[in-house]
Amino acid sequence: MILSDGDIKKALKKGRIVIKPRPDLNEQLGSSSLDLRLGSTFRVFKHRRVPFVDPFDPKTTEGMTEELKITKKEPYVIQPGEFVLGASLEWIELPDDIAARVDGRSSLGRLGLIVHSTAGHIDAGFKGIMTMEMANIGMMPIMLYPRMRICQLVFEPLSAPAERPYTKKPGAKYYGKMGAVETAISQEKI
């Protein structure tokens, strides 16, 4: 089951789901989703720094990206075949009994923009700015502007509150993060 527009409005009003800045429901609320906007922070890959990436070697994963800020006057141009990390404008807080799924917007998907390569799930209990793994699989460069509606969240109630929500998960690497955040996979054990 997923939350309807009415249920999303109730959850926002009661503070069960927190979105900051408060969304413009006339523009961002769909029948069963809530659009998020693009922030101004990106992380671009310094792909010439190392010859390969070893997920468990911090020398190849830490510092493999650099932060880039955009403005309406100077948007980010995502080239065909390019992969970049981008941040949502909104801060998100989910309760222990609601998870969310990140989906792309079909209008942007029809241009070739993918907003999450594999990580389309947000755990119950998550708090922070969402990092999107964006790729342009189209044939033409796409201009990305801060504050544009970039993706949508679909909220999914759990059958019961999570016994170990994201906030209490040992090693919750992305909890409370601001801006686009590069991978922290090297912190994991094999």
N, C-alpha and C. Protein backbone atom coordinates (compact mmCIF):
# COMPACT_ATOMS: atom_id res chain seq x y z
N MET A 1 0.84 -1.18 0.00
CA MET A 1 0.00 0.00 0.00
C MET A 1 0.89 1.25 0.00
N ILE A 2 0.45 2.28 -0.69
CA ILE A 2 1.16 3.56 -0.67
C ILE A 2 0.19 4.65 -0.22
N LEU A 3 0.75 5.75 0.28
CA LEU A 3 -0.09 6.84 0.77
C LEU A 3 -0.69 7.62 -0.39
N SER A 4 -1.96 7.99 -0.25
CA SER A 4 -2.64 8.83 -1.23
C SER A 4 -2.30 10.29 -0.96
N ASP A 5 -2.72 11.17 -1.85
CA ASP A 5 -2.49 12.60 -1.65
C ASP A 5 -3.07 13.08 -0.32
N GLY A 6 -4.28 12.64 0.01
CA GLY A 6 -4.89 13.03 1.29
C GLY A 6 -4.10 12.54 2.49
N ASP A 7 -3.60 11.31 2.41
CA ASP A 7 -2.79 10.76 3.51
C ASP A 7 -1.45 11.48 3.63
N ILE A 8 -0.87 11.86 2.50
CA ILE A 8 0.39 12.61 2.54
C ILE A 8 0.16 13.96 3.22
N LYS A 9 -0.92 14.64 2.85
CA LYS A 9 -1.24 15.94 3.48
C LYS A 9 -1.42 15.79 4.99
N LYS A 10 -2.14 14.75 5.41
CA LYS A 10 -2.35 14.51 6.85
C LYS A 10 -1.02 14.24 7.56
N ALA A 11 -0.16 13.41 6.95
CA ALA A 11 1.12 13.08 7.57
C ALA A 11 2.02 14.32 7.69
N LEU A 12 1.96 15.19 6.71
CA LEU A 12 2.73 16.44 6.77
C LEU A 12 2.16 17.36 7.84
N LYS A 13 0.85 17.47 7.90
CA LYS A 13 0.20 18.36 8.87
C LYS A 13 0.47 17.91 10.31
N LYS A 14 0.44 16.60 10.54
CA LYS A 14 0.69 16.06 11.88
C LYS A 14 2.18 16.00 12.22
N GLY A 15 3.06 16.25 11.26
CA GLY A 15 4.50 16.19 11.50
C GLY A 15 5.06 14.78 11.49
N ARG A 16 4.28 13.81 11.03
CA ARG A 16 4.80 12.43 10.94
C ARG A 16 5.84 12.34 9.82
N ILE A 17 5.58 13.03 8.71
CA ILE A 17 6.56 13.19 7.64
C ILE A 17 6.95 14.66 7.67
N VAL A 18 8.25 14.93 7.70
CA VAL A 18 8.73 16.31 7.72
C VAL A 18 9.48 16.58 6.42
N ILE A 19 9.09 17.65 5.75
CA ILE A 19 9.77 18.11 4.54
C ILE A 19 10.05 19.59 4.74
N LYS A 20 11.35 19.96 4.68
CA LYS A 20 11.74 21.37 4.83
C LYS A 20 12.61 21.77 3.65
N PRO A 21 12.35 22.90 3.01
CA PRO A 21 11.25 23.81 3.27
C PRO A 21 9.91 23.15 2.92
N ARG A 22 8.88 23.66 3.55
CA ARG A 22 7.54 23.09 3.37
C ARG A 22 7.17 23.11 1.88
N PRO A 23 6.72 21.99 1.35
CA PRO A 23 6.41 21.94 -0.08
C PRO A 23 5.16 22.75 -0.43
N ASP A 24 5.13 23.25 -1.65
CA ASP A 24 3.94 23.88 -2.21
C ASP A 24 3.06 22.74 -2.72
N LEU A 25 2.06 22.38 -1.96
CA LEU A 25 1.25 21.21 -2.29
C LEU A 25 0.50 21.38 -3.61
N ASN A 26 0.14 22.61 -3.97
CA ASN A 26 -0.53 22.82 -5.25
C ASN A 26 0.37 22.44 -6.42
N GLU A 27 1.66 22.62 -6.26
CA GLU A 27 2.59 22.33 -7.34
C GLU A 27 3.27 20.97 -7.18
N GLN A 28 3.57 20.55 -5.95
CA GLN A 28 4.42 19.37 -5.74
C GLN A 28 3.66 18.09 -5.38
N LEU A 29 2.41 18.19 -4.98
CA LEU A 29 1.67 17.00 -4.56
C LEU A 29 0.95 16.37 -5.74
N GLY A 30 1.23 15.08 -5.95
CA GLY A 30 0.52 14.31 -6.96
C GLY A 30 -0.56 13.48 -6.29
N SER A 31 -1.23 12.62 -7.03
CA SER A 31 -2.30 11.82 -6.45
C SER A 31 -1.78 10.78 -5.45
N SER A 32 -0.51 10.37 -5.61
CA SER A 32 0.06 9.40 -4.66
C SER A 32 1.58 9.60 -4.52
N SER A 33 2.04 10.84 -4.69
CA SER A 33 3.47 11.13 -4.57
C SER A 33 3.66 12.60 -4.26
N LEU A 34 4.90 12.93 -3.88
CA LEU A 34 5.27 14.31 -3.60
C LEU A 34 6.56 14.61 -4.35
N ASP A 35 6.52 15.62 -5.22
CA ASP A 35 7.72 15.99 -5.97
C ASP A 35 8.72 16.68 -5.05
N LEU A 36 10.00 16.36 -5.25
CA LEU A 36 11.10 17.07 -4.59
C LEU A 36 11.81 17.90 -5.64
N ARG A 37 12.47 18.95 -5.16
CA ARG A 37 13.17 19.86 -6.06
C ARG A 37 14.68 19.64 -5.95
N LEU A 38 15.36 20.05 -6.99
CA LEU A 38 16.80 19.93 -7.05
C LEU A 38 17.45 21.03 -6.23
N GLY A 39 18.42 20.65 -5.41
CA GLY A 39 19.20 21.63 -4.68
C GLY A 39 20.26 22.23 -5.57
N SER A 40 21.20 22.93 -4.98
CA SER A 40 22.25 23.59 -5.78
C SER A 40 23.60 22.89 -5.67
N THR A 41 23.65 21.77 -4.95
CA THR A 41 24.92 21.08 -4.72
C THR A 41 25.01 19.79 -5.54
N PHE A 42 26.13 19.63 -6.22
CA PHE A 42 26.43 18.42 -6.99
C PHE A 42 27.79 17.89 -6.55
N ARG A 43 28.01 16.61 -6.78
CA ARG A 43 29.35 16.04 -6.64
C ARG A 43 29.68 15.42 -8.00
N VAL A 44 30.76 15.92 -8.59
CA VAL A 44 31.20 15.43 -9.89
C VAL A 44 32.44 14.56 -9.70
N PHE A 45 32.55 13.54 -10.51
CA PHE A 45 33.63 12.57 -10.35
C PHE A 45 34.92 13.05 -10.98
N LYS A 46 36.00 12.85 -10.23
CA LYS A 46 37.35 13.12 -10.73
C LYS A 46 37.87 11.78 -11.28
N HIS A 47 37.33 11.38 -12.41
CA HIS A 47 37.57 10.03 -12.93
C HIS A 47 38.99 9.79 -13.41
N ARG A 48 39.78 10.81 -13.51
CA ARG A 48 41.17 10.60 -13.94
C ARG A 48 42.11 10.45 -12.75
N ARG A 49 41.58 10.50 -11.55
CA ARG A 49 42.40 10.45 -10.33
C ARG A 49 43.00 9.07 -10.08
N VAL A 50 42.22 8.03 -10.32
CA VAL A 50 42.68 6.66 -10.11
C VAL A 50 42.26 5.81 -11.32
N PRO A 51 43.00 4.73 -11.61
CA PRO A 51 42.67 3.93 -12.79
C PRO A 51 41.45 3.02 -12.61
N PHE A 52 41.02 2.82 -11.37
CA PHE A 52 39.87 1.96 -11.10
C PHE A 52 39.33 2.32 -9.72
N VAL A 53 38.15 1.79 -9.40
CA VAL A 53 37.55 1.99 -8.08
C VAL A 53 37.47 0.64 -7.39
N ASP A 54 38.06 0.56 -6.22
CA ASP A 54 37.91 -0.60 -5.35
C ASP A 54 36.99 -0.16 -4.22
N PRO A 55 35.74 -0.65 -4.18
CA PRO A 55 34.78 -0.16 -3.19
C PRO A 55 35.27 -0.23 -1.74
N PHE A 56 36.21 -1.14 -1.45
CA PHE A 56 36.65 -1.30 -0.07
C PHE A 56 38.02 -0.69 0.20
N ASP A 57 38.54 0.06 -0.75
CA ASP A 57 39.81 0.75 -0.57
C ASP A 57 39.54 2.25 -0.50
N PRO A 58 39.63 2.84 0.70
CA PRO A 58 39.34 4.27 0.83
C PRO A 58 40.21 5.16 -0.07
N LYS A 59 41.39 4.68 -0.46
CA LYS A 59 42.25 5.49 -1.34
C LYS A 59 41.61 5.71 -2.70
N THR A 60 40.72 4.81 -3.12
CA THR A 60 40.08 4.98 -4.42
C THR A 60 38.66 5.52 -4.31
N THR A 61 38.06 5.53 -3.12
CA THR A 61 36.67 6.00 -3.01
C THR A 61 36.55 7.34 -2.30
N GLU A 62 37.37 7.60 -1.30
CA GLU A 62 37.27 8.85 -0.57
C GLU A 62 37.92 9.97 -1.38
N GLY A 63 37.20 11.04 -1.56
CA GLY A 63 37.72 12.16 -2.33
C GLY A 63 37.67 11.95 -3.83
N MET A 64 36.88 10.97 -4.28
CA MET A 64 36.81 10.72 -5.72
C MET A 64 35.87 11.69 -6.43
N THR A 65 35.19 12.55 -5.64
CA THR A 65 34.33 13.56 -6.23
C THR A 65 34.71 14.93 -5.68
N GLU A 66 34.28 15.95 -6.39
CA GLU A 66 34.45 17.31 -5.89
C GLU A 66 33.10 18.01 -5.93
N GLU A 67 32.88 18.90 -4.96
CA GLU A 67 31.61 19.60 -4.87
C GLU A 67 31.54 20.73 -5.89
N LEU A 68 30.35 20.89 -6.44
CA LEU A 68 30.09 21.95 -7.39
C LEU A 68 28.74 22.56 -7.05
N LYS A 69 28.66 23.89 -7.02
CA LYS A 69 27.40 24.59 -6.74
C LYS A 69 26.91 25.22 -8.04
N ILE A 70 25.60 25.20 -8.22
CA ILE A 70 25.00 25.79 -9.41
C ILE A 70 24.07 26.93 -9.02
N THR A 71 23.73 27.75 -10.00
CA THR A 71 22.77 28.84 -9.82
C THR A 71 21.79 28.80 -10.99
N LYS A 72 20.72 29.57 -10.88
CA LYS A 72 19.77 29.65 -11.99
C LYS A 72 20.43 30.24 -13.23
N LYS A 73 21.40 31.13 -13.01
CA LYS A 73 22.08 31.75 -14.14
C LYS A 73 23.11 30.81 -14.76
N GLU A 74 23.61 29.87 -13.95
CA GLU A 74 24.60 28.92 -14.44
C GLU A 74 24.21 27.52 -13.98
N PRO A 75 23.25 26.90 -14.69
CA PRO A 75 22.77 25.57 -14.29
C PRO A 75 23.83 24.50 -14.57
N TYR A 76 23.56 23.28 -14.09
CA TYR A 76 24.44 22.16 -14.39
C TYR A 76 23.98 21.55 -15.70
N VAL A 77 24.91 21.34 -16.61
CA VAL A 77 24.61 20.69 -17.88
C VAL A 77 25.10 19.26 -17.77
N ILE A 78 24.15 18.32 -17.71
CA ILE A 78 24.54 16.91 -17.63
C ILE A 78 24.63 16.38 -19.06
N GLN A 79 25.81 15.94 -19.40
CA GLN A 79 26.09 15.51 -20.77
C GLN A 79 25.60 14.07 -20.99
N PRO A 80 25.35 13.67 -22.23
CA PRO A 80 25.00 12.28 -22.52
C PRO A 80 26.09 11.34 -21.99
N GLY A 81 25.67 10.31 -21.29
CA GLY A 81 26.61 9.34 -20.73
C GLY A 81 27.22 9.76 -19.41
N GLU A 82 26.91 10.94 -18.92
CA GLU A 82 27.50 11.42 -17.67
C GLU A 82 26.72 10.92 -16.46
N PHE A 83 27.46 10.69 -15.38
CA PHE A 83 26.91 10.27 -14.09
C PHE A 83 27.36 11.29 -13.05
N VAL A 84 26.44 11.78 -12.25
CA VAL A 84 26.74 12.82 -11.26
C VAL A 84 25.84 12.62 -10.04
N LEU A 85 26.32 13.05 -8.89
CA LEU A 85 25.50 13.03 -7.67
C LEU A 85 24.89 14.41 -7.46
N GLY A 86 23.61 14.45 -7.16
CA GLY A 86 22.93 15.72 -6.90
C GLY A 86 22.13 15.63 -5.62
N ALA A 87 21.93 16.77 -4.98
CA ALA A 87 21.20 16.83 -3.71
C ALA A 87 19.80 17.37 -3.93
N SER A 88 18.87 16.86 -3.14
CA SER A 88 17.53 17.45 -3.13
C SER A 88 17.59 18.78 -2.39
N LEU A 89 16.70 19.67 -2.72
CA LEU A 89 16.58 20.93 -1.98
C LEU A 89 16.01 20.66 -0.60
N GLU A 90 15.09 19.70 -0.52
CA GLU A 90 14.36 19.45 0.71
C GLU A 90 15.09 18.51 1.67
N TRP A 91 14.97 18.82 2.95
CA TRP A 91 15.37 17.96 4.06
C TRP A 91 14.17 17.05 4.32
N ILE A 92 14.43 15.76 4.52
CA ILE A 92 13.35 14.77 4.70
C ILE A 92 13.51 14.09 6.04
N GLU A 93 12.40 13.90 6.75
CA GLU A 93 12.39 13.10 7.98
C GLU A 93 11.22 12.13 7.90
N LEU A 94 11.53 10.84 7.98
CA LEU A 94 10.50 9.81 7.94
C LEU A 94 10.35 9.18 9.31
N PRO A 95 9.12 8.84 9.70
CA PRO A 95 8.93 8.14 10.98
C PRO A 95 9.37 6.69 10.87
N ASP A 96 9.33 5.98 11.98
CA ASP A 96 9.79 4.59 12.03
C ASP A 96 8.85 3.60 11.33
N ASP A 97 7.68 4.09 10.88
CA ASP A 97 6.74 3.17 10.24
C ASP A 97 6.36 3.57 8.80
N ILE A 98 7.15 4.46 8.21
CA ILE A 98 6.93 4.83 6.80
C ILE A 98 8.28 4.87 6.08
N ALA A 99 8.36 4.15 4.97
CA ALA A 99 9.53 4.22 4.09
C ALA A 99 9.11 5.03 2.86
N ALA A 100 10.05 5.34 2.00
CA ALA A 100 9.72 6.05 0.77
C ALA A 100 10.51 5.48 -0.38
N ARG A 101 9.95 5.66 -1.56
CA ARG A 101 10.62 5.24 -2.79
C ARG A 101 10.82 6.48 -3.65
N VAL A 102 12.00 6.60 -4.23
CA VAL A 102 12.32 7.72 -5.11
C VAL A 102 12.07 7.27 -6.54
N ASP A 103 11.26 8.02 -7.25
CA ASP A 103 11.01 7.75 -8.66
C ASP A 103 11.34 8.99 -9.46
N GLY A 104 11.75 8.78 -10.69
CA GLY A 104 11.98 9.91 -11.57
C GLY A 104 10.65 10.49 -12.03
N ARG A 105 10.72 11.68 -12.55
CA ARG A 105 9.56 12.31 -13.17
C ARG A 105 9.54 11.92 -14.64
N SER A 106 8.39 11.52 -15.15
CA SER A 106 8.34 11.03 -16.53
C SER A 106 8.72 12.12 -17.53
N SER A 107 8.40 13.37 -17.24
CA SER A 107 8.76 14.45 -18.17
C SER A 107 10.27 14.55 -18.36
N LEU A 108 11.04 14.33 -17.30
CA LEU A 108 12.50 14.35 -17.40
C LEU A 108 13.04 13.02 -17.93
N GLY A 109 12.37 11.93 -17.55
CA GLY A 109 12.76 10.62 -18.06
C GLY A 109 12.66 10.55 -19.58
N ARG A 110 11.70 11.27 -20.13
CA ARG A 110 11.52 11.28 -21.59
C ARG A 110 12.63 12.05 -22.30
N LEU A 111 13.42 12.78 -21.51
CA LEU A 111 14.61 13.46 -22.05
C LEU A 111 15.85 12.59 -21.88
N GLY A 112 15.74 11.51 -21.09
CA GLY A 112 16.87 10.62 -20.85
C GLY A 112 17.47 10.74 -19.47
N LEU A 113 16.85 11.51 -18.56
CA LEU A 113 17.41 11.70 -17.23
C LEU A 113 16.94 10.62 -16.27
N ILE A 114 17.89 9.95 -15.64
CA ILE A 114 17.61 8.98 -14.57
C ILE A 114 18.04 9.64 -13.27
N VAL A 115 17.19 9.60 -12.24
CA VAL A 115 17.54 10.27 -10.98
C VAL A 115 18.06 9.33 -9.91
N HIS A 116 17.90 8.04 -10.08
CA HIS A 116 18.52 7.09 -9.16
C HIS A 116 18.95 5.87 -9.94
N SER A 117 20.24 5.56 -9.85
CA SER A 117 20.74 4.43 -10.63
C SER A 117 20.31 3.11 -10.02
N THR A 118 20.42 2.96 -8.71
CA THR A 118 19.95 1.73 -8.05
C THR A 118 19.32 2.01 -6.70
N ALA A 119 19.63 3.14 -6.09
CA ALA A 119 19.22 3.40 -4.71
C ALA A 119 17.93 4.20 -4.66
N GLY A 120 16.82 3.54 -4.98
CA GLY A 120 15.53 4.21 -5.00
C GLY A 120 14.72 4.06 -3.73
N HIS A 121 15.32 3.49 -2.68
CA HIS A 121 14.59 3.23 -1.44
C HIS A 121 15.13 4.11 -0.32
N ILE A 122 14.23 4.71 0.46
CA ILE A 122 14.62 5.47 1.65
C ILE A 122 14.03 4.74 2.85
N ASP A 123 14.90 4.30 3.76
CA ASP A 123 14.46 3.54 4.94
C ASP A 123 13.61 4.37 5.88
N ALA A 124 12.71 3.69 6.56
CA ALA A 124 11.95 4.31 7.65
C ALA A 124 12.95 4.85 8.67
N GLY A 125 12.68 6.03 9.19
CA GLY A 125 13.57 6.64 10.18
C GLY A 125 14.66 7.51 9.58
N PHE A 126 14.74 7.60 8.25
CA PHE A 126 15.77 8.43 7.61
C PHE A 126 15.53 9.90 7.89
N LYS A 127 16.62 10.63 8.10
CA LYS A 127 16.59 12.09 8.22
C LYS A 127 17.78 12.64 7.47
N GLY A 128 17.53 13.59 6.57
CA GLY A 128 18.63 14.22 5.86
C GLY A 128 18.22 14.73 4.50
N ILE A 129 19.20 15.24 3.81
CA ILE A 129 19.05 15.65 2.41
C ILE A 129 19.28 14.41 1.57
N MET A 130 18.47 14.22 0.56
CA MET A 130 18.58 13.04 -0.27
C MET A 130 19.62 13.26 -1.38
N THR A 131 20.52 12.30 -1.55
CA THR A 131 21.47 12.32 -2.66
C THR A 131 20.91 11.47 -3.78
N MET A 132 20.88 12.03 -4.98
CA MET A 132 20.39 11.30 -6.15
C MET A 132 21.58 10.91 -7.03
N GLU A 133 21.56 9.69 -7.55
CA GLU A 133 22.57 9.20 -8.48
C GLU A 133 21.99 9.42 -9.87
N MET A 134 22.38 10.51 -10.52
CA MET A 134 21.74 10.91 -11.77
C MET A 134 22.62 10.59 -12.98
N ALA A 135 21.96 10.17 -14.04
CA ALA A 135 22.65 9.87 -15.29
C ALA A 135 21.82 10.36 -16.45
N ASN A 136 22.50 10.78 -17.50
CA ASN A 136 21.84 11.17 -18.73
C ASN A 136 22.07 10.05 -19.74
N ILE A 137 21.02 9.28 -19.98
CA ILE A 137 21.13 8.20 -20.96
C ILE A 137 20.59 8.62 -22.32
N GLY A 138 20.23 9.90 -22.43
CA GLY A 138 19.71 10.42 -23.69
C GLY A 138 20.82 10.81 -24.65
N MET A 139 20.42 11.41 -25.75
CA MET A 139 21.35 11.80 -26.80
C MET A 139 21.78 13.26 -26.72
N MET A 140 21.08 14.05 -25.90
CA MET A 140 21.33 15.49 -25.84
C MET A 140 21.67 15.91 -24.42
N PRO A 141 22.51 16.94 -24.24
CA PRO A 141 22.76 17.49 -22.91
C PRO A 141 21.45 18.03 -22.32
N ILE A 142 21.32 17.95 -21.00
CA ILE A 142 20.12 18.42 -20.29
C ILE A 142 20.54 19.46 -19.27
N MET A 143 19.85 20.60 -19.26
CA MET A 143 20.12 21.67 -18.30
C MET A 143 19.36 21.36 -17.01
N LEU A 144 20.09 21.36 -15.88
CA LEU A 144 19.48 21.12 -14.57
C LEU A 144 19.58 22.40 -13.75
N TYR A 145 18.44 22.88 -13.28
CA TYR A 145 18.38 24.15 -12.56
C TYR A 145 18.01 23.92 -11.09
N PRO A 146 18.60 24.69 -10.18
CA PRO A 146 18.18 24.58 -8.78
C PRO A 146 16.71 24.93 -8.66
N ARG A 147 16.03 24.24 -7.79
CA ARG A 147 14.61 24.43 -7.47
C ARG A 147 13.67 23.79 -8.49
N MET A 148 14.20 23.18 -9.58
CA MET A 148 13.29 22.50 -10.51
C MET A 148 12.81 21.21 -9.87
N ARG A 149 11.58 20.80 -10.16
CA ARG A 149 11.07 19.53 -9.65
C ARG A 149 11.83 18.43 -10.38
N ILE A 150 12.53 17.58 -9.60
CA ILE A 150 13.47 16.63 -10.19
C ILE A 150 13.05 15.17 -10.03
N CYS A 151 12.32 14.88 -8.93
CA CYS A 151 11.92 13.49 -8.67
C CYS A 151 10.66 13.49 -7.82
N GLN A 152 10.17 12.31 -7.52
CA GLN A 152 8.99 12.20 -6.67
C GLN A 152 9.21 11.13 -5.62
N LEU A 153 8.65 11.38 -4.44
CA LEU A 153 8.68 10.39 -3.37
C LEU A 153 7.32 9.72 -3.29
N VAL A 154 7.35 8.41 -3.18
CA VAL A 154 6.15 7.61 -2.96
C VAL A 154 6.31 7.02 -1.56
N PHE A 155 5.36 7.30 -0.68
CA PHE A 155 5.46 6.88 0.72
C PHE A 155 4.75 5.56 0.93
N GLU A 156 5.45 4.65 1.63
CA GLU A 156 4.95 3.30 1.83
C GLU A 156 4.90 2.97 3.32
N PRO A 157 3.69 2.85 3.88
CA PRO A 157 3.59 2.47 5.30
C PRO A 157 4.11 1.05 5.51
N LEU A 158 4.80 0.84 6.63
CA LEU A 158 5.26 -0.49 7.00
C LEU A 158 4.15 -1.22 7.73
N SER A 159 4.21 -2.53 7.77
CA SER A 159 3.19 -3.32 8.48
C SER A 159 3.25 -3.08 9.98
N ALA A 160 4.41 -2.67 10.47
CA ALA A 160 4.62 -2.32 11.88
C ALA A 160 5.84 -1.39 11.91
N PRO A 161 6.01 -0.60 12.97
CA PRO A 161 7.21 0.24 13.04
C PRO A 161 8.47 -0.63 12.95
N ALA A 162 9.48 -0.11 12.27
CA ALA A 162 10.75 -0.84 12.14
C ALA A 162 11.37 -1.05 13.51
N GLU A 163 11.85 -2.26 13.78
CA GLU A 163 12.54 -2.53 15.05
C GLU A 163 13.86 -1.79 15.10
N ARG A 164 14.47 -1.59 13.94
CA ARG A 164 15.74 -0.87 13.86
C ARG A 164 15.66 0.12 12.70
N PRO A 165 15.01 1.29 12.95
CA PRO A 165 14.93 2.29 11.88
C PRO A 165 16.31 2.83 11.54
N TYR A 166 16.38 3.55 10.45
CA TYR A 166 17.67 4.04 9.96
C TYR A 166 18.43 4.83 11.03
N THR A 167 17.71 5.58 11.84
CA THR A 167 18.36 6.39 12.89
C THR A 167 19.10 5.54 13.92
N LYS A 168 18.68 4.27 14.08
CA LYS A 168 19.28 3.40 15.09
C LYS A 168 20.14 2.31 14.47
N LYS A 169 20.30 2.34 13.17
CA LYS A 169 21.08 1.32 12.47
C LYS A 169 22.57 1.58 12.72
N PRO A 170 23.30 0.57 13.20
CA PRO A 170 24.75 0.77 13.36
C PRO A 170 25.38 1.10 12.00
N GLY A 171 26.18 2.11 11.99
CA GLY A 171 26.85 2.49 10.75
C GLY A 171 25.93 3.16 9.74
N ALA A 172 24.91 3.88 10.19
CA ALA A 172 24.02 4.60 9.28
C ALA A 172 24.81 5.75 8.64
N LYS A 173 25.48 5.42 7.54
CA LYS A 173 26.49 6.30 6.94
C LYS A 173 25.96 7.62 6.42
N TYR A 174 24.69 7.67 6.08
CA TYR A 174 24.17 8.88 5.43
C TYR A 174 23.13 9.61 6.29
N TYR A 175 23.04 9.25 7.54
CA TYR A 175 22.06 9.87 8.44
C TYR A 175 22.41 11.34 8.70
N GLY A 176 21.45 12.21 8.51
CA GLY A 176 21.61 13.62 8.84
C GLY A 176 22.56 14.39 7.94
N LYS A 177 22.87 13.86 6.78
CA LYS A 177 23.83 14.51 5.89
C LYS A 177 23.16 15.66 5.12
N MET A 178 23.98 16.64 4.81
CA MET A 178 23.54 17.81 4.05
C MET A 178 24.23 17.79 2.69
N GLY A 179 23.52 18.15 1.64
CA GLY A 179 24.12 18.23 0.31
C GLY A 179 24.34 16.86 -0.30
N ALA A 180 24.88 16.84 -1.50
CA ALA A 180 25.20 15.59 -2.18
C ALA A 180 26.39 14.94 -1.46
N VAL A 181 26.27 13.66 -1.18
CA VAL A 181 27.28 12.94 -0.39
C VAL A 181 27.84 11.80 -1.23
N GLU A 182 29.18 11.72 -1.32
CA GLU A 182 29.79 10.63 -2.08
C GLU A 182 29.69 9.32 -1.30
N THR A 183 30.03 8.23 -1.92
CA THR A 183 29.91 6.92 -1.31
C THR A 183 30.74 6.78 -0.04
N ALA A 184 30.20 6.01 0.88
CA ALA A 184 30.93 5.69 2.11
C ALA A 184 31.08 4.17 2.23
N ILE A 185 31.07 3.49 1.09
CA ILE A 185 31.11 2.02 1.08
C ILE A 185 32.39 1.47 1.69
N SER A 186 33.48 2.22 1.63
CA SER A 186 34.75 1.71 2.18
C SER A 186 34.68 1.53 3.69
N GLN A 187 33.65 2.07 4.34
CA GLN A 187 33.48 1.88 5.79
C GLN A 187 32.91 0.50 6.12
N GLU A 188 32.38 -0.17 5.10
CA GLU A 188 31.79 -1.50 5.33
C GLU A 188 32.88 -2.56 5.39
N LYS A 189 32.52 -3.67 6.01
CA LYS A 189 33.45 -4.80 6.10
C LYS A 189 33.05 -5.86 5.08
N ILE A 190 34.06 -6.56 4.57
CA ILE A 190 33.80 -7.64 3.60
C ILE A 190 33.54 -8.90 4.37
